[in-house]
């Protein structure tokens, strides 16, 4: 049975609507009165009015389309053309959930574009904006631009099944993106950084009020070019997990740069008191690096769990450079005797369990007080002149 038609009131009032009368004309009435007259429950009335709405992104005006996106939009699809082009930022509107579906299209960005982004004036606005979340998925490629995805101030956003190619600054830059999920993303030839998770950098944002906590990077690959600095970067964010990821291609500075240095100063141990943990599992490194494969500068009481890491080929730089944190290495079945773990402090806190026997200290410090097996004092911070094994434990070697 088809009931009387209804529509939104032109006045925009949430308590009123336009209802079709017996003569076919529309009259304005209270929502409650209309429900009583027709015998429809309030909940059913809401269901009739509230429908998911999908829009097609026009090929010639991507940024303008998002700037004027209707309020009822729940999904947008890139189906008008196989290739879209946009020279400017694509600023996303507030939305409880907006699905941005590439449907296999290519999006080519201009050199100054930050891709899909948000604009945050200050921390007060950022807190309000976390009510919005986005699902960006299924782009055959997003090419060029400063960044491909530059999300800020969201809770529970998802980026999946995209290839990001040739961004100058970073392929993905997440600031104050709580519980974000980045999965099945292929990054190719990032000019500087591949995937970045960090705290906000707008007025009022600090290392303790705008982190990208409890986020997950899963099955992501960064294929570096000669200018790439970091494949993966996690800054001042706790509870982040990085699973089944790959770093390869040309040598970069770091495969993973993990730090909670509140002022960005890596020449002293991190002091961020709200970052408590990080997890890295099944990480595959398929190239050499210039500085260190994994850089760790976390707070002294932060647990850094690292398991099943595989470095393929010779490494002249340290596979791990330690500054601060509680590092737990587990189930590293392959470890070449030439690999080095570097420490910038005298007494690193490192535990190794069920790892290859080559990952060991030999039980004593040699080399003039700077080396114990694979562990070496490298570029020590002021006042750290002699390596100590007080907090280093090697347990249950497997080979």
Protein backbone atom coordinates (compact mmCIF):
# COMPACT_ATOMS: atom_id res chain seq x y z
CA UNK A 1 0.00 0.00 0.00
CA UNK A 2 1.33 3.43 -0.92
CA UNK A 3 0.59 6.15 1.63
CA UNK A 4 0.41 9.92 1.25
CA UNK A 5 3.61 11.52 0.01
CA UNK A 6 5.71 13.65 2.33
CA UNK A 7 8.69 15.94 1.91
CA UNK A 8 10.90 18.34 3.83
CA UNK A 9 9.46 21.70 4.75
CA UNK A 10 10.92 24.68 2.89
CA UNK A 11 11.44 26.46 6.18
CA UNK A 12 13.95 23.78 7.19
CA UNK A 13 12.13 23.16 10.46
CA UNK A 14 12.91 19.75 11.95
CA UNK A 15 9.44 19.59 13.54
CA UNK A 16 7.45 20.28 10.33
CA UNK A 17 7.02 18.64 6.93
CA UNK A 18 5.01 19.01 3.73
CA UNK A 19 2.23 16.41 3.45
CA UNK A 20 -0.03 15.66 0.49
CA UNK A 21 -3.67 16.48 1.20
CA UNK A 22 -6.82 14.89 -0.28
CA UNK A 23 -6.90 17.37 -3.16
CA UNK A 24 -3.31 16.63 -4.10
CA UNK A 25 -1.94 19.87 -2.75
CA UNK A 26 0.88 19.88 -0.20
CA UNK A 27 0.29 21.51 3.15
CA UNK A 28 2.64 22.22 6.00
CA UNK A 29 1.95 20.38 9.26
CA UNK A 30 3.63 19.11 12.39
CA UNK A 31 5.35 15.76 12.00
CA UNK A 32 3.55 14.42 15.06
CA UNK A 33 0.12 15.48 13.68
CA UNK A 34 0.86 13.87 10.32
CA UNK A 35 1.82 10.59 11.98
CA UNK A 36 -1.38 10.57 14.07
CA UNK A 37 -3.55 11.36 11.03
CA UNK A 38 -2.12 8.57 8.92
CA UNK A 39 -1.72 6.04 11.69
CA UNK A 40 1.99 5.71 10.96
CA UNK A 41 4.41 5.32 13.84
CA UNK A 42 7.04 7.97 14.34
CA UNK A 43 9.80 5.39 13.79
CA UNK A 44 8.28 4.28 10.47
CA UNK A 45 7.89 7.89 9.41
CA UNK A 46 11.62 8.46 10.04
CA UNK A 47 12.44 5.33 8.03
CA UNK A 48 10.38 6.64 5.08
CA UNK A 49 12.14 9.99 5.12
CA UNK A 50 15.68 8.77 5.81
CA UNK A 51 17.16 7.01 2.82
CA UNK A 52 20.79 6.56 1.83
CA UNK A 53 21.62 8.80 -1.13
CA UNK A 54 24.33 8.17 -3.71
CA UNK A 55 25.72 10.77 -6.10
CA UNK A 56 27.98 10.48 -9.14
CA UNK A 57 31.09 12.68 -9.09
CA UNK A 58 31.27 14.79 -12.29
CA UNK A 59 34.52 14.34 -14.18
CA UNK A 60 35.06 18.04 -14.81
CA UNK A 61 34.63 19.53 -11.33
CA UNK A 62 35.72 17.18 -8.56
CA UNK A 63 36.64 19.80 -5.94
CA UNK A 64 33.54 21.90 -6.66
CA UNK A 65 31.30 18.86 -6.37
CA UNK A 66 32.54 18.07 -2.86
CA UNK A 67 32.33 21.74 -1.86
CA UNK A 68 28.61 21.75 -2.71
CA UNK A 69 27.77 18.15 -1.79
CA UNK A 70 24.11 17.86 -0.71
CA UNK A 71 23.58 17.23 2.98
CA UNK A 72 21.75 13.97 2.30
CA UNK A 73 24.73 12.37 0.53
CA UNK A 74 25.89 9.12 2.11
CA UNK A 75 27.92 7.80 -0.84
CA UNK A 76 29.70 9.25 -3.88
CA UNK A 77 30.97 7.21 -6.81
CA UNK A 78 33.55 7.96 -9.50
CA UNK A 79 31.72 6.36 -12.44
CA UNK A 80 31.36 9.16 -14.99
CA UNK A 81 34.85 8.66 -16.44
CA UNK A 82 37.76 6.23 -16.27
CA UNK A 83 40.16 9.09 -15.49
CA UNK A 84 39.41 12.11 -13.29
CA UNK A 85 41.65 15.16 -12.90
CA UNK A 86 41.77 17.75 -10.12
CA UNK A 87 44.36 20.48 -9.65
CA UNK A 88 43.21 21.69 -6.22
CA UNK A 89 42.44 20.29 -2.77
CA UNK A 90 39.34 18.10 -2.50
CA UNK A 91 37.94 19.36 0.80
CA UNK A 92 35.60 16.86 2.43
CA UNK A 93 32.42 18.13 4.11
CA UNK A 94 31.30 17.06 7.57
CA UNK A 95 29.43 13.76 7.43
CA UNK A 96 28.42 11.11 9.92
CA UNK A 97 29.72 8.65 7.31
CA UNK A 98 30.60 9.44 3.72
CA UNK A 99 31.64 6.57 1.43
CA UNK A 100 33.97 7.72 -1.37
CA UNK A 101 34.07 4.88 -3.89
CA UNK A 102 36.55 5.10 -6.74
CA UNK A 103 34.96 2.15 -8.58
CA UNK A 104 38.32 1.46 -10.22
CA UNK A 105 38.81 4.98 -11.61
CA UNK A 106 42.11 6.89 -11.76
CA UNK A 107 42.35 10.29 -10.08
CA UNK A 108 45.19 12.52 -11.32
CA UNK A 109 46.06 15.42 -9.01
CA UNK A 110 47.77 18.72 -9.74
CA UNK A 111 51.18 19.38 -8.15
CA UNK A 112 49.78 21.62 -5.38
CA UNK A 113 46.82 19.40 -4.47
CA UNK A 114 46.55 17.71 -1.07
CA UNK A 115 44.01 15.26 -2.47
CA UNK A 116 41.17 14.30 -0.15
CA UNK A 117 41.64 16.63 2.79
CA UNK A 118 39.93 18.55 5.58
CA UNK A 119 40.50 22.08 6.87
CA UNK A 120 40.95 22.52 10.62
CA UNK A 121 41.10 26.00 12.16
CA UNK A 122 42.00 25.01 15.72
CA UNK A 123 41.70 22.23 18.31
CA UNK A 124 38.19 23.25 19.36
CA UNK A 125 36.98 22.79 15.81
CA UNK A 126 38.97 19.57 15.49
CA UNK A 127 37.12 18.07 18.45
CA UNK A 128 33.80 18.84 16.78
CA UNK A 129 35.00 17.43 13.46
CA UNK A 130 35.77 14.00 14.94
CA UNK A 131 32.03 13.29 14.66
CA UNK A 132 32.72 12.77 10.93
CA UNK A 133 34.22 9.70 9.30
CA UNK A 134 35.03 8.61 5.78
CA UNK A 135 35.55 5.40 3.81
CA UNK A 136 37.86 6.02 0.84
CA UNK A 137 38.19 2.93 -1.31
CA UNK A 138 38.75 1.21 -4.62
CA UNK A 139 40.78 3.69 -6.66
CA UNK A 140 42.86 2.07 -9.39
CA UNK A 141 45.30 4.90 -8.75
CA UNK A 142 45.53 8.35 -7.22
CA UNK A 143 48.48 9.94 -8.98
CA UNK A 144 50.57 13.03 -8.26
CA UNK A 145 49.82 15.91 -5.92
CA UNK A 146 51.51 16.84 -2.65
CA UNK A 147 49.41 14.17 -0.93
CA UNK A 148 46.76 11.72 -2.04
CA UNK A 149 44.87 11.53 1.25
CA UNK A 150 45.27 14.16 3.97
CA UNK A 151 42.67 13.27 6.60
CA UNK A 152 42.43 15.28 9.78
CA UNK A 153 40.23 15.10 12.88
CA UNK A 154 38.18 11.94 12.25
CA UNK A 155 37.10 8.93 14.29
CA UNK A 156 36.90 5.51 12.63
CA UNK A 157 37.79 6.42 9.03
CA UNK A 158 38.85 3.73 6.54
CA UNK A 159 41.21 3.83 3.54
CA UNK A 160 41.34 0.61 1.56
CA UNK A 161 42.17 -0.98 -1.79
CA UNK A 162 43.90 2.03 -3.35
CA UNK A 163 47.14 2.56 -5.25
CA UNK A 164 48.84 5.91 -4.54
CA UNK A 165 51.56 6.98 -6.94
CA UNK A 166 54.16 9.74 -6.95
CA UNK A 167 52.98 12.11 -4.20
CA UNK A 168 55.61 14.76 -3.40
CA UNK A 169 55.15 15.02 0.40
CA UNK A 170 53.29 11.91 1.58
CA UNK A 171 50.89 9.43 0.03
CA UNK A 172 48.75 9.33 3.19
CA UNK A 173 49.00 11.84 6.04
CA UNK A 174 46.70 11.18 9.01
CA UNK A 175 46.52 13.80 11.75
CA UNK A 176 44.28 13.28 14.78
CA UNK A 177 42.68 10.30 13.05
CA UNK A 178 41.54 8.08 15.90
CA UNK A 179 40.87 4.40 15.21
CA UNK A 180 41.73 4.80 11.53
CA UNK A 181 42.15 1.72 9.37
CA UNK A 182 44.47 1.71 6.35
CA UNK A 183 44.48 -1.63 4.56
CA UNK A 184 45.40 -3.10 1.18
CA UNK A 185 47.05 0.15 0.09
CA UNK A 186 49.94 0.20 -2.40
CA UNK A 187 52.18 3.28 -2.27
CA UNK A 188 54.58 3.73 -5.19
CA UNK A 189 57.44 6.25 -5.47
CA UNK A 190 56.59 8.69 -2.68
CA UNK A 191 58.80 11.77 -2.96
CA UNK A 192 59.38 11.92 0.80
CA UNK A 193 57.13 9.87 3.08
CA UNK A 194 54.83 6.97 2.33
CA UNK A 195 52.22 6.59 5.10
CA UNK A 196 52.21 8.92 8.12
CA UNK A 197 50.21 8.80 11.37
CA UNK A 198 50.71 11.71 13.72
CA UNK A 199 49.17 14.28 16.06
CA UNK A 200 47.50 17.49 14.92
CA UNK A 201 49.59 20.56 14.14
CA UNK A 202 46.97 23.35 14.19
CA UNK A 203 46.54 26.00 16.91
CA UNK A 204 45.69 24.36 20.25
CA UNK A 205 46.78 20.88 19.18
CA UNK A 206 49.42 19.17 21.34
CA UNK A 207 51.15 15.81 21.62
CA UNK A 208 48.56 14.73 24.20
CA UNK A 209 45.22 15.92 22.81
CA UNK A 210 45.22 15.12 19.10
CA UNK A 211 46.97 11.79 18.46
CA UNK A 212 46.08 9.16 15.88
CA UNK A 213 45.62 6.51 18.57
CA UNK A 214 44.45 2.92 18.13
CA UNK A 215 44.88 2.96 14.35
CA UNK A 216 45.79 -0.02 12.16
CA UNK A 217 47.97 -0.34 9.06
CA UNK A 218 47.35 -3.72 7.44
CA UNK A 219 48.71 -5.27 4.24
CA UNK A 220 50.20 -2.02 2.99
CA UNK A 221 53.24 -1.80 0.74
CA UNK A 222 55.52 1.18 0.15
CA UNK A 223 57.75 0.97 -2.92
CA UNK A 224 60.39 3.65 -2.36
CA UNK A 225 62.12 5.89 -4.85
CA UNK A 226 65.60 7.42 -4.44
CA UNK A 227 64.26 10.48 -2.59
CA UNK A 228 61.99 8.64 -0.14
CA UNK A 229 62.81 9.41 3.48
CA UNK A 230 60.46 7.16 5.50
CA UNK A 231 58.24 4.39 4.17
CA UNK A 232 56.10 4.31 7.34
CA UNK A 233 56.03 7.00 10.05
CA UNK A 234 54.19 6.89 13.40
CA UNK A 235 54.57 9.96 15.62
CA UNK A 236 53.14 10.64 19.10
CA UNK A 237 50.36 8.08 18.69
CA UNK A 238 49.65 5.11 20.94
CA UNK A 239 48.10 1.70 20.43
CA UNK A 240 48.97 1.70 16.72
CA UNK A 241 49.30 -1.71 15.05
CA UNK A 242 51.17 -2.36 11.81
CA UNK A 243 50.50 -5.80 10.33
CA UNK A 244 51.66 -7.70 7.23
CA UNK A 245 53.32 -4.68 5.60
CA UNK A 246 56.20 -4.40 3.11
CA UNK A 247 58.89 -1.80 2.45
CA UNK A 248 60.90 -2.17 -0.75
CA UNK A 249 62.25 -0.43 -3.84
CA UNK A 250 65.14 2.03 -3.78
CA UNK A 251 67.00 2.66 -0.49
CA UNK A 252 65.21 5.06 1.86
CA UNK A 253 66.28 6.63 5.17
CA UNK A 254 63.98 4.47 7.31
CA UNK A 255 61.49 1.69 6.69
CA UNK A 256 59.70 2.57 9.94
CA UNK A 257 60.23 5.76 11.90
CA UNK A 258 58.58 5.37 15.31
CA UNK A 259 58.85 8.27 17.72
CA UNK A 260 57.03 10.00 20.58
CA UNK A 261 59.46 12.90 20.88
CA UNK A 262 57.09 15.71 21.81
CA UNK A 263 59.21 18.46 20.29
CA UNK A 264 60.55 16.45 17.37
CA UNK A 265 64.04 16.36 18.89
CA UNK A 266 65.45 12.88 18.22
CA UNK A 267 68.68 13.70 20.07
CA UNK A 268 67.04 12.97 23.42
CA UNK A 269 64.72 10.21 24.68
CA UNK A 270 61.00 10.65 24.07
CA UNK A 271 58.95 12.12 26.93
CA UNK A 272 55.37 11.72 25.70
CA UNK A 273 53.55 10.44 28.80
CA UNK A 274 50.37 9.30 27.01
CA UNK A 275 51.87 6.97 24.39
CA UNK A 276 51.91 3.46 25.85
CA UNK A 277 52.35 0.88 23.07
CA UNK A 278 53.05 -0.02 19.44
CA UNK A 279 52.82 -3.37 17.63
CA UNK A 280 54.65 -4.48 14.49
CA UNK A 281 54.03 -7.97 13.09
CA UNK A 282 55.10 -9.77 9.90
CA UNK A 283 57.09 -6.89 8.42
CA UNK A 284 59.03 -7.63 5.22
CA UNK A 285 61.94 -5.41 4.17
CA UNK A 286 63.18 -5.99 0.64
CA UNK A 287 65.92 -3.37 0.26
CA UNK A 288 68.77 -1.61 2.05
CA UNK A 289 68.38 1.69 3.92
CA UNK A 290 70.56 4.75 4.43
CA UNK A 291 70.16 5.47 8.17
CA UNK A 292 68.34 2.66 10.01
CA UNK A 293 65.63 0.23 8.98
CA UNK A 294 63.60 0.77 12.16
CA UNK A 295 64.04 3.86 14.37
CA UNK A 296 62.54 3.61 17.88
CA UNK A 297 62.28 6.57 20.25
CA UNK A 298 59.35 5.83 22.55
CA UNK A 299 58.67 6.74 26.20
CA UNK A 300 60.56 4.59 28.75
CA UNK A 301 57.39 2.76 29.82
CA UNK A 302 55.97 2.23 26.32
CA UNK A 303 55.86 -1.39 25.13
CA UNK A 304 57.10 -1.84 21.56
CA UNK A 305 56.24 -5.35 20.32
CA UNK A 306 58.00 -6.50 17.15
CA UNK A 307 57.61 -9.99 15.73
CA UNK A 308 58.42 -11.90 12.54
CA UNK A 309 60.49 -9.21 10.84
CA UNK A 310 62.45 -10.27 7.77
CA UNK A 311 65.27 -8.26 6.24
CA UNK A 312 66.15 -9.65 2.83
CA UNK A 313 69.75 -9.06 1.80
CA UNK A 314 72.70 -7.26 3.34
CA UNK A 315 72.18 -4.23 5.53
CA UNK A 316 75.01 -1.77 6.10
CA UNK A 317 72.89 0.50 8.33
CA UNK A 318 71.46 -0.80 11.64
CA UNK A 319 68.32 -2.91 11.29
CA UNK A 320 67.15 -1.27 14.51
CA UNK A 321 68.30 2.02 16.02
CA UNK A 322 67.22 2.38 19.65
CA UNK A 323 66.82 5.62 21.59
CA UNK A 324 64.15 4.82 24.18
CA UNK A 325 61.25 2.47 25.00
CA UNK A 326 60.75 -1.18 25.99
CA UNK A 327 61.49 -3.13 22.81
CA UNK A 328 60.41 -6.77 22.65
CA UNK A 329 61.67 -8.75 19.66
CA UNK A 330 59.88 -12.05 19.02
CA UNK A 331 60.04 -14.87 16.48
CA UNK A 332 62.68 -13.37 14.19
CA UNK A 333 63.68 -16.61 12.49
CA UNK A 334 66.22 -15.15 10.07
CA UNK A 335 68.94 -12.79 11.23
CA UNK A 336 72.18 -12.45 9.31
CA UNK A 337 75.31 -12.29 11.53
CA UNK A 338 76.30 -9.05 9.80
CA UNK A 339 73.16 -7.24 10.99
CA UNK A 340 73.54 -4.64 13.75
CA UNK A 341 71.22 -3.30 16.40
CA UNK A 342 72.32 0.18 17.34
CA UNK A 343 71.68 2.03 20.58
CA UNK A 344 72.20 5.72 21.21
CA UNK A 345 72.01 5.20 24.99
CA UNK A 346 74.22 3.15 27.31
CA UNK A 347 71.51 0.95 28.78
CA UNK A 348 68.92 -0.02 26.16
CA UNK A 349 65.82 -1.96 27.22
CA UNK A 350 65.60 -4.78 24.68
CA UNK A 351 64.21 -8.30 25.09
CA UNK A 352 64.59 -10.96 22.41
CA UNK A 353 62.64 -14.22 22.61
CA UNK A 354 62.50 -17.16 20.16
CA UNK A 355 64.80 -15.41 17.71
CA UNK A 356 67.71 -16.66 15.60
CA UNK A 357 70.84 -17.33 17.65
CA UNK A 358 72.75 -14.75 15.58
CA UNK A 359 70.61 -12.16 17.34
CA UNK A 360 72.61 -12.20 20.55
CA UNK A 361 75.07 -10.25 22.69
CA UNK A 362 77.60 -12.93 23.52
CA UNK A 363 76.98 -12.12 27.16
CA UNK A 364 79.70 -9.50 27.47
CA UNK A 365 80.65 -6.04 26.25
CA UNK A 366 83.68 -5.72 23.98
CA UNK A 367 85.08 -3.24 21.48
CA UNK A 368 86.23 -0.77 24.11
CA UNK A 369 82.84 -0.83 25.85
CA UNK A 370 80.78 -0.12 22.74
CA UNK A 371 79.80 -3.55 21.37
CA UNK A 372 78.22 -6.80 22.57
CA UNK A 373 77.47 -9.24 19.77
CA UNK A 374 75.04 -7.57 17.36
CA UNK A 375 74.35 -4.74 19.82
CA UNK A 376 76.43 -1.61 19.31
CA UNK A 377 76.62 1.86 20.79
CA UNK A 378 76.14 4.07 17.72
CA UNK A 379 76.08 7.88 17.60
CA UNK A 380 75.63 8.00 21.38
CA UNK A 381 73.74 10.79 23.08
CA UNK A 382 75.77 13.02 25.45
CA UNK A 383 76.79 11.18 28.61
CA UNK A 384 76.35 7.70 27.09
CA UNK A 385 79.87 6.39 26.63
CA UNK A 386 79.78 2.70 27.63
CA UNK A 387 77.32 0.01 26.58
CA UNK A 388 75.61 -1.84 29.45
CA UNK A 389 73.59 -5.05 29.23
CA UNK A 390 71.64 -4.49 32.43
CA UNK A 391 68.24 -4.42 30.67
CA UNK A 392 69.05 -6.63 27.68
CA UNK A 393 67.69 -10.17 27.73
CA UNK A 394 68.11 -12.89 25.12
CA UNK A 395 65.80 -15.86 25.70
CA UNK A 396 65.04 -19.17 23.94
CA UNK A 397 67.13 -18.81 20.78
CA UNK A 398 65.73 -20.98 17.98
CA UNK A 399 68.87 -21.82 15.95
